[in-house]
C-alpha atoms as a PDB file:
ATOM      1  CA  UNK A   1    -194.428-207.810  95.525  1.00  0.00           C
ATOM      2  CA  UNK A   2    -195.103-207.931  99.167  1.00  0.00           C
ATOM      3  CA  UNK A   3    -198.487-206.571  98.831  1.00  0.00           C
ATOM      4  CA  UNK A   4    -199.307-209.078  96.081  1.00  0.00           C
ATOM      5  CA  UNK A   5    -198.045-211.794  98.228  1.00  0.00           C
ATOM      6  CA  UNK A   6    -199.839-210.647 101.456  1.00  0.00           C
ATOM      7  CA  UNK A   7    -203.109-210.209  99.500  1.00  0.00           C
ATOM      8  CA  UNK A   8    -202.702-213.715  97.736  1.00  0.00           C
ATOM      9  CA  UNK A   9    -203.227-212.085  94.658  1.00  0.00           C
ATOM     10  CA  UNK A  10    -203.629-214.670  91.665  1.00  0.00           C
ATOM     11  CA  UNK A  11    -205.486-213.115  89.115  1.00  0.00           C
ATOM     12  CA  UNK A  12    -204.146-209.503  87.807  1.00  0.00           C
ATOM     13  CA  UNK A  13    -205.030-206.988  85.213  1.00  0.00           C
ATOM     14  CA  UNK A  14    -202.178-204.625  83.818  1.00  0.00           C
ATOM     15  CA  UNK A  15    -203.507-201.630  82.136  1.00  0.00           C
ATOM     16  CA  UNK A  16    -200.623-200.059  80.183  1.00  0.00           C
ATOM     17  CA  UNK A  17    -197.650-202.448  79.290  1.00  0.00           C
ATOM     18  CA  UNK A  18    -195.575-200.350  76.837  1.00  0.00           C
ATOM     19  CA  UNK A  19    -192.433-202.090  76.493  1.00  0.00           C
ATOM     20  CA  UNK A  20    -193.441-205.063  78.882  1.00  0.00           C
ATOM     21  CA  UNK A  21    -190.874-204.656  81.530  1.00  0.00           C
ATOM     22  CA  UNK A  22    -193.122-204.578  84.519  1.00  0.00           C
ATOM     23  CA  UNK A  23    -195.288-207.198  82.674  1.00  0.00           C
ATOM     24  CA  UNK A  24    -192.326-209.795  82.730  1.00  0.00           C
ATOM     25  CA  UNK A  25    -192.264-209.231  86.525  1.00  0.00           C
ATOM     26  CA  UNK A  26    -195.862-209.863  86.854  1.00  0.00           C
ATOM     27  CA  UNK A  27    -195.727-213.032  84.685  1.00  0.00           C
ATOM     28  CA  UNK A  28    -192.903-214.484  86.832  1.00  0.00           C
ATOM     29  CA  UNK A  29    -195.043-213.729  90.009  1.00  0.00           C
ATOM     30  CA  UNK A  30    -198.138-215.325  88.576  1.00  0.00           C
ATOM     31  CA  UNK A  31    -196.009-218.396  87.323  1.00  0.00           C
ATOM     32  CA  UNK A  32    -195.035-218.739  91.043  1.00  0.00           C
ATOM     33  CA  UNK A  33    -198.533-218.561  92.509  1.00  0.00           C
ATOM     34  CA  UNK A  34    -200.290-220.452  89.379  1.00  0.00           C
ATOM     35  CA  UNK A  35    -201.827-217.284  88.627  1.00  0.00           C
ATOM     36  CA  UNK A  36    -202.946-215.350  85.440  1.00  0.00           C
ATOM     37  CA  UNK A  37    -202.094-212.034  84.066  1.00  0.00           C
ATOM     38  CA  UNK A  38    -204.493-209.948  81.779  1.00  0.00           C
ATOM     39  CA  UNK A  39    -202.677-207.071  79.854  1.00  0.00           C
ATOM     40  CA  UNK A  40    -204.573-204.477  78.223  1.00  0.00           C
ATOM     41  CA  UNK A  41    -202.758-202.147  75.717  1.00  0.00           C
ATOM     42  CA  UNK A  42    -203.878-200.892  72.521  1.00  0.00           C
ATOM     43  CA  UNK A  43    -200.514-200.467  71.147  1.00  0.00           C
ATOM     44  CA  UNK A  44    -198.035-202.836  72.931  1.00  0.00           C
ATOM     45  CA  UNK A  45    -194.426-202.217  72.217  1.00  0.00           C
ATOM     46  CA  UNK A  46    -192.963-205.835  72.951  1.00  0.00           C
ATOM     47  CA  UNK A  47    -193.032-209.134  71.254  1.00  0.00           C
ATOM     48  CA  UNK A  48    -196.503-210.573  72.252  1.00  0.00           C
ATOM     49  CA  UNK A  49    -195.450-213.956  70.719  1.00  0.00           C
ATOM     50  CA  UNK A  50    -192.382-214.311  72.668  1.00  0.00           C
ATOM     51  CA  UNK A  51    -194.255-213.615  75.846  1.00  0.00           C
ATOM     52  CA  UNK A  52    -196.675-216.153  74.890  1.00  0.00           C
ATOM     53  CA  UNK A  53    -194.349-218.638  74.429  1.00  0.00           C
ATOM     54  CA  UNK A  54    -192.452-218.328  77.670  1.00  0.00           C
ATOM     55  CA  UNK A  55    -195.699-217.948  79.472  1.00  0.00           C
ATOM     56  CA  UNK A  56    -198.347-219.683  77.726  1.00  0.00           C
ATOM     57  CA  UNK A  57    -200.355-220.484  80.724  1.00  0.00           C
ATOM     58  CA  UNK A  58    -200.058-217.189  82.467  1.00  0.00           C
ATOM     59  CA  UNK A  59    -200.215-214.657  79.803  1.00  0.00           C
ATOM     60  CA  UNK A  60    -203.355-213.146  78.239  1.00  0.00           C
ATOM     61  CA  UNK A  61    -202.986-210.109  75.798  1.00  0.00           C
ATOM     62  CA  UNK A  62    -205.762-208.083  75.028  1.00  0.00           C
ATOM     63  CA  UNK A  63    -204.991-205.379  72.242  1.00  0.00           C
ATOM     64  CA  UNK A  64    -207.716-202.734  72.704  1.00  0.00           C
ATOM     65  CA  UNK A  65    -208.556-199.710  74.915  1.00  0.00           C
ATOM     66  CA  UNK A  66    -209.161-200.416  78.613  1.00  0.00           C
ATOM     67  CA  UNK A  67    -212.669-199.016  78.742  1.00  0.00           C
ATOM     68  CA  UNK A  68    -213.557-201.434  75.949  1.00  0.00           C
ATOM     69  CA  UNK A  69    -212.118-204.511  77.794  1.00  0.00           C
ATOM     70  CA  UNK A  70    -212.788-203.898  81.459  1.00  0.00           C
ATOM     71  CA  UNK A  71    -216.543-204.685  81.088  1.00  0.00           C
ATOM     72  CA  UNK A  72    -215.799-208.253  79.831  1.00  0.00           C
ATOM     73  CA  UNK A  73    -213.243-209.003  82.779  1.00  0.00           C
ATOM     74  CA  UNK A  74    -215.493-210.245  85.571  1.00  0.00           C
ATOM     75  CA  UNK A  75    -212.951-211.441  88.175  1.00  0.00           C
ATOM     76  CA  UNK A  76    -209.465-210.147  89.257  1.00  0.00           C
ATOM     77  CA  UNK A  77    -207.646-209.743  92.646  1.00  0.00           C
ATOM     78  CA  UNK A  78    -205.589-206.905  91.571  1.00  0.00           C
ATOM     79  CA  UNK A  79    -205.408-204.285  88.782  1.00  0.00           C
ATOM     80  CA  UNK A  80    -202.620-202.042  87.904  1.00  0.00           C
ATOM     81  CA  UNK A  81    -203.608-198.564  86.217  1.00  0.00           C
ATOM     82  CA  UNK A  82    -200.889-197.169  83.989  1.00  0.00           C
ATOM     83  CA  UNK A  83    -202.640-196.340  80.667  1.00  0.00           C
ATOM     84  CA  UNK A  84    -203.880-193.191  79.296  1.00  0.00           C
ATOM     85  CA  UNK A  85    -203.029-190.666  82.092  1.00  0.00           C
ATOM     86  CA  UNK A  86    -206.065-188.404  82.137  1.00  0.00           C
ATOM     87  CA  UNK A  87    -209.228-187.820  84.258  1.00  0.00           C
ATOM     88  CA  UNK A  88    -211.928-189.275  81.801  1.00  0.00           C
ATOM     89  CA  UNK A  89    -210.037-192.717  81.376  1.00  0.00           C
ATOM     90  CA  UNK A  90    -208.909-193.142  84.926  1.00  0.00           C
ATOM     91  CA  UNK A  91    -212.242-192.161  86.491  1.00  0.00           C
ATOM     92  CA  UNK A  92    -214.123-194.607  84.339  1.00  0.00           C
ATOM     93  CA  UNK A  93    -211.565-197.446  84.628  1.00  0.00           C
ATOM     94  CA  UNK A  94    -212.268-197.061  88.623  1.00  0.00           C
ATOM     95  CA  UNK A  95    -215.797-197.192  87.963  1.00  0.00           C
ATOM     96  CA  UNK A  96    -215.603-200.496  86.210  1.00  0.00           C
ATOM     97  CA  UNK A  97    -213.320-201.823  88.799  1.00  0.00           C
ATOM     98  CA  UNK A  98    -216.250-200.651  91.386  1.00  0.00           C
ATOM     99  CA  UNK A  99    -218.752-202.654  89.020  1.00  0.00           C
ATOM    100  CA  UNK A 100    -216.771-205.691  88.979  1.00  0.00           C
ATOM    101  CA  UNK A 101    -216.493-205.439  92.815  1.00  0.00           C
ATOM    102  CA  UNK A 102    -220.149-205.179  93.103  1.00  0.00           C
ATOM    103  CA  UNK A 103    -220.560-208.333  90.985  1.00  0.00           C
ATOM    104  CA  UNK A 104    -217.973-210.277  93.027  1.00  0.00           C
ATOM    105  CA  UNK A 105    -218.804-208.943  96.548  1.00  0.00           C
ATOM    106  CA  UNK A 106    -215.084-207.894  96.828  1.00  0.00           C
ATOM    107  CA  UNK A 107    -212.938-205.155  96.142  1.00  0.00           C
ATOM    108  CA  UNK A 108    -209.494-205.541  94.696  1.00  0.00           C
ATOM    109  CA  UNK A 109    -206.231-204.460  95.401  1.00  0.00           C
ATOM    110  CA  UNK A 110    -205.771-201.457  92.922  1.00  0.00           C
ATOM    111  CA  UNK A 111    -202.374-199.575  91.860  1.00  0.00           C
ATOM    112  CA  UNK A 112    -202.434-196.423  89.936  1.00  0.00           C
ATOM    113  CA  UNK A 113    -199.348-194.896  88.609  1.00  0.00           C
ATOM    114  CA  UNK A 114    -198.542-191.097  87.905  1.00  0.00           C
ATOM    115  CA  UNK A 115    -200.756-189.815  90.793  1.00  0.00           C
ATOM    116  CA  UNK A 116    -198.003-186.954  91.481  1.00  0.00           C
ATOM    117  CA  UNK A 117    -196.522-184.523  89.245  1.00  0.00           C
ATOM    118  CA  UNK A 118    -196.601-184.271  85.980  1.00  0.00           C
ATOM    119  CA  UNK A 119    -199.934-185.999  85.533  1.00  0.00           C
ATOM    120  CA  UNK A 120    -201.582-185.831  88.982  1.00  0.00           C
ATOM    121  CA  UNK A 121    -203.127-182.750  88.255  1.00  0.00           C
ATOM    122  CA  UNK A 122    -202.858-182.396  84.316  1.00  0.00           C
ATOM    123  CA  UNK A 123    -204.165-184.674  81.542  1.00  0.00           C
ATOM    124  CA  UNK A 124    -202.355-186.443  78.927  1.00  0.00           C
ATOM    125  CA  UNK A 125    -203.924-188.056  75.981  1.00  0.00           C
ATOM    126  CA  UNK A 126    -202.188-191.008  73.910  1.00  0.00           C
ATOM    127  CA  UNK A 127    -205.204-191.381  72.051  1.00  0.00           C
ATOM    128  CA  UNK A 128    -207.469-187.929  72.089  1.00  0.00           C
ATOM    129  CA  UNK A 129    -209.939-189.314  69.663  1.00  0.00           C
ATOM    130  CA  UNK A 130    -210.835-192.341  72.002  1.00  0.00           C
ATOM    131  CA  UNK A 131    -212.203-189.684  74.580  1.00  0.00           C
ATOM    132  CA  UNK A 132    -215.633-187.852  74.394  1.00  0.00           C
ATOM    133  CA  UNK A 133    -214.789-184.397  73.241  1.00  0.00           C
ATOM    134  CA  UNK A 134    -216.347-182.669  76.279  1.00  0.00           C
ATOM    135  CA  UNK A 135    -213.732-184.430  78.567  1.00  0.00           C
ATOM    136  CA  UNK A 136    -210.635-183.351  76.448  1.00  0.00           C
ATOM    137  CA  UNK A 137    -208.935-180.186  77.713  1.00  0.00           C
ATOM    138  CA  UNK A 138    -207.039-178.071  74.925  1.00  0.00           C
ATOM    139  CA  UNK A 139    -203.911-179.807  74.723  1.00  0.00           C
ATOM    140  CA  UNK A 140    -200.579-179.470  72.575  1.00  0.00           C
ATOM    141  CA  UNK A 141    -197.294-181.494  72.358  1.00  0.00           C
ATOM    142  CA  UNK A 142    -195.211-179.175  74.673  1.00  0.00           C
ATOM    143  CA  UNK A 143    -193.205-179.827  77.589  1.00  0.00           C
ATOM    144  CA  UNK A 144    -193.897-179.312  81.458  1.00  0.00           C
ATOM    145  CA  UNK A 145    -191.940-177.737  84.179  1.00  0.00           C
ATOM    146  CA  UNK A 146    -192.659-178.124  87.927  1.00  0.00           C
ATOM    147  CA  UNK A 147    -194.311-175.014  89.531  1.00  0.00           C
ATOM    148  CA  UNK A 148    -195.180-173.704  85.968  1.00  0.00           C
ATOM    149  CA  UNK A 149    -199.086-174.228  85.627  1.00  0.00           C
ATOM    150  CA  UNK A 150    -199.021-173.673  81.619  1.00  0.00           C
ATOM    151  CA  UNK A 151    -196.882-175.801  79.127  1.00  0.00           C
ATOM    152  CA  UNK A 152    -193.560-174.261  78.103  1.00  0.00           C
ATOM    153  CA  UNK A 153    -192.664-173.364  74.483  1.00  0.00           C
ATOM    154  CA  UNK A 154    -189.200-175.115  74.643  1.00  0.00           C
ATOM    155  CA  UNK A 155    -187.922-178.266  76.368  1.00  0.00           C
ATOM    156  CA  UNK A 156    -189.704-179.524  79.323  1.00  0.00           C
ATOM    157  CA  UNK A 157    -190.778-182.987  80.186  1.00  0.00           C
ATOM    158  CA  UNK A 158    -192.552-185.153  77.939  1.00  0.00           C
ATOM    159  CA  UNK A 159    -192.775-182.510  75.344  1.00  0.00           C
ATOM    160  CA  UNK A 160    -193.439-185.259  72.801  1.00  0.00           C
ATOM    161  CA  UNK A 161    -196.785-186.245  74.200  1.00  0.00           C
ATOM    162  CA  UNK A 162    -200.397-184.522  74.109  1.00  0.00           C
ATOM    163  CA  UNK A 163    -200.361-182.749  77.148  1.00  0.00           C
ATOM    164  CA  UNK A 164    -203.252-180.535  78.644  1.00  0.00           C
ATOM    165  CA  UNK A 165    -202.362-176.730  78.289  1.00  0.00           C
ATOM    166  CA  UNK A 166    -202.743-176.119  81.900  1.00  0.00           C
ATOM    167  CA  UNK A 167    -202.405-177.961  85.392  1.00  0.00           C
ATOM    168  CA  UNK A 168    -204.959-177.986  87.838  1.00  0.00           C
ATOM    169  CA  UNK A 169    -208.789-177.395  87.768  1.00  0.00           C
ATOM    170  CA  UNK A 170    -211.890-180.001  87.552  1.00  0.00           C
ATOM    171  CA  UNK A 171    -211.580-183.234  85.671  1.00  0.00           C
ATOM    172  CA  UNK A 172    -207.888-182.617  85.118  1.00  0.00           C
ATOM    173  CA  UNK A 173    -205.430-185.349  85.867  1.00  0.00           C
ATOM    174  CA  UNK A 174    -204.887-188.894  87.492  1.00  0.00           C
ATOM    175  CA  UNK A 175    -204.926-187.736  91.213  1.00  0.00           C
ATOM    176  CA  UNK A 176    -208.245-185.701  90.566  1.00  0.00           C
ATOM    177  CA  UNK A 177    -209.850-188.700  88.960  1.00  0.00           C
ATOM    178  CA  UNK A 178    -208.841-190.720  92.082  1.00  0.00           C
ATOM    179  CA  UNK A 179    -210.153-188.285  94.569  1.00  0.00           C
ATOM    180  CA  UNK A 180    -213.506-187.886  92.480  1.00  0.00           C
ATOM    181  CA  UNK A 181    -214.046-191.612  92.534  1.00  0.00           C
ATOM    182  CA  UNK A 182    -213.365-191.798  96.270  1.00  0.00           C
ATOM    183  CA  UNK A 183    -215.869-189.166  96.980  1.00  0.00           C
ATOM    184  CA  UNK A 184    -218.580-191.187  95.236  1.00  0.00           C
ATOM    185  CA  UNK A 185    -217.974-194.759  95.784  1.00  0.00           C
ATOM    186  CA  UNK A 186    -220.331-196.759  98.094  1.00  0.00           C
ATOM    187  CA  UNK A 187    -217.282-199.071  99.013  1.00  0.00           C
ATOM    188  CA  UNK A 188    -215.150-198.595 102.245  1.00  0.00           C
ATOM    189  CA  UNK A 189    -211.842-198.160 100.735  1.00  0.00           C
ATOM    190  CA  UNK A 190    -208.369-196.466 101.764  1.00  0.00           C
ATOM    191  CA  UNK A 191    -205.998-194.521  99.685  1.00  0.00           C
ATOM    192  CA  UNK A 192    -202.313-194.731 100.160  1.00  0.00           C
ATOM    193  CA  UNK A 193    -199.617-192.939  98.125  1.00  0.00           C
ATOM    194  CA  UNK A 194    -195.976-193.330  97.509  1.00  0.00           C
ATOM    195  CA  UNK A 195    -194.861-190.233  96.279  1.00  0.00           C
ATOM    196  CA  UNK A 196    -191.604-191.193  94.379  1.00  0.00           C
ATOM    197  CA  UNK A 197    -191.484-192.109  90.526  1.00  0.00           C
ATOM    198  CA  UNK A 198    -194.433-189.624  89.788  1.00  0.00           C
ATOM    199  CA  UNK A 199    -196.527-191.035  92.313  1.00  0.00           C
ATOM    200  CA  UNK A 200    -198.018-194.574  93.075  1.00  0.00           C
ATOM    201  CA  UNK A 201    -201.445-194.878  94.383  1.00  0.00           C
ATOM    202  CA  UNK A 202    -202.893-197.785  96.400  1.00  0.00           C
ATOM    203  CA  UNK A 203    -206.637-198.399  96.891  1.00  0.00           C
ATOM    204  CA  UNK A 204    -207.725-201.262  99.080  1.00  0.00           C
ATOM    205  CA  UNK A 205    -210.631-202.319 101.196  1.00  0.00           C
ATOM    206  CA  UNK A 206    -210.552-200.297 104.291  1.00  0.00           C
ATOM    207  CA  UNK A 207    -209.339-201.963 107.526  1.00  0.00           C
ATOM    208  CA  UNK A 208    -207.028-200.952 110.307  1.00  0.00           C
ATOM    209  CA  UNK A 209    -204.617-203.868 109.901  1.00  0.00           C
ATOM    210  CA  UNK A 210    -204.502-203.633 105.964  1.00  0.00           C
ATOM    211  CA  UNK A 211    -203.799-199.783 106.355  1.00  0.00           C
ATOM    212  CA  UNK A 212    -201.075-200.468 108.786  1.00  0.00           C
ATOM    213  CA  UNK A 213    -199.597-203.190 106.711  1.00  0.00           C
ATOM    214  CA  UNK A 214    -199.380-201.147 103.404  1.00  0.00           C
ATOM    215  CA  UNK A 215    -197.978-197.931 105.359  1.00  0.00           C
ATOM    216  CA  UNK A 216    -195.004-200.516 106.760  1.00  0.00           C
ATOM    217  CA  UNK A 217    -194.554-201.671 103.445  1.00  0.00           C
ATOM    218  CA  UNK A 218    -194.251-198.255 102.024  1.00  0.00           C
ATOM    219  CA  UNK A 219    -192.034-196.983 104.803  1.00  0.00           C
ATOM    220  CA  UNK A 220    -189.529-200.113 104.596  1.00  0.00           C
ATOM    221  CA  UNK A 221    -189.368-199.552 100.749  1.00  0.00           C
ATOM    222  CA  UNK A 222    -188.395-195.918 101.209  1.00  0.00           C
ATOM    223  CA  UNK A 223    -191.240-194.713  99.128  1.00  0.00           C
END
């Protein structure tokens, strides 16, 4: 919230809404600043019509994959990436953000969830069939334990999801996708991280005062 306010954000894209809890927070912010929220999720788990009734002016629901929708969104101030937690999806989401920034001559505020364990260095696939075969690591519906690179046969975190068999290596995980993007982008940007709650990455235009402000917000938030 303090970063949205300080950046004067009015048009927000949220990738991955699930039950719509954070969507509701963002919509209340948009109402306060006369803004708009574009929500992208191929399988939302909340009542879209109910949200539309309460936030008919602010709320735009796009039921599709992010890589299909983002090319058609040509202007936004901020994007929250919390959809399919794998290298291919996140890397190409960031490349589409970069393309939008080039068209608008301005890089947006970018938030990315799951930049730490368990998906910072390990892919997870909600919809494996949506990703080109050459970019899908072998995976299984088995759990994960910190410090153990392979999946565990019993228990572990998120054992109901399609997790890559091994942690680490090339083109594997959200943080790896961010790092690969940062190595290649022509934009001068900074990357900040809050390490709690599975990791929150923040990409902003590089500027000394902006960097100091974000670090102060993270420090004051205890993140």
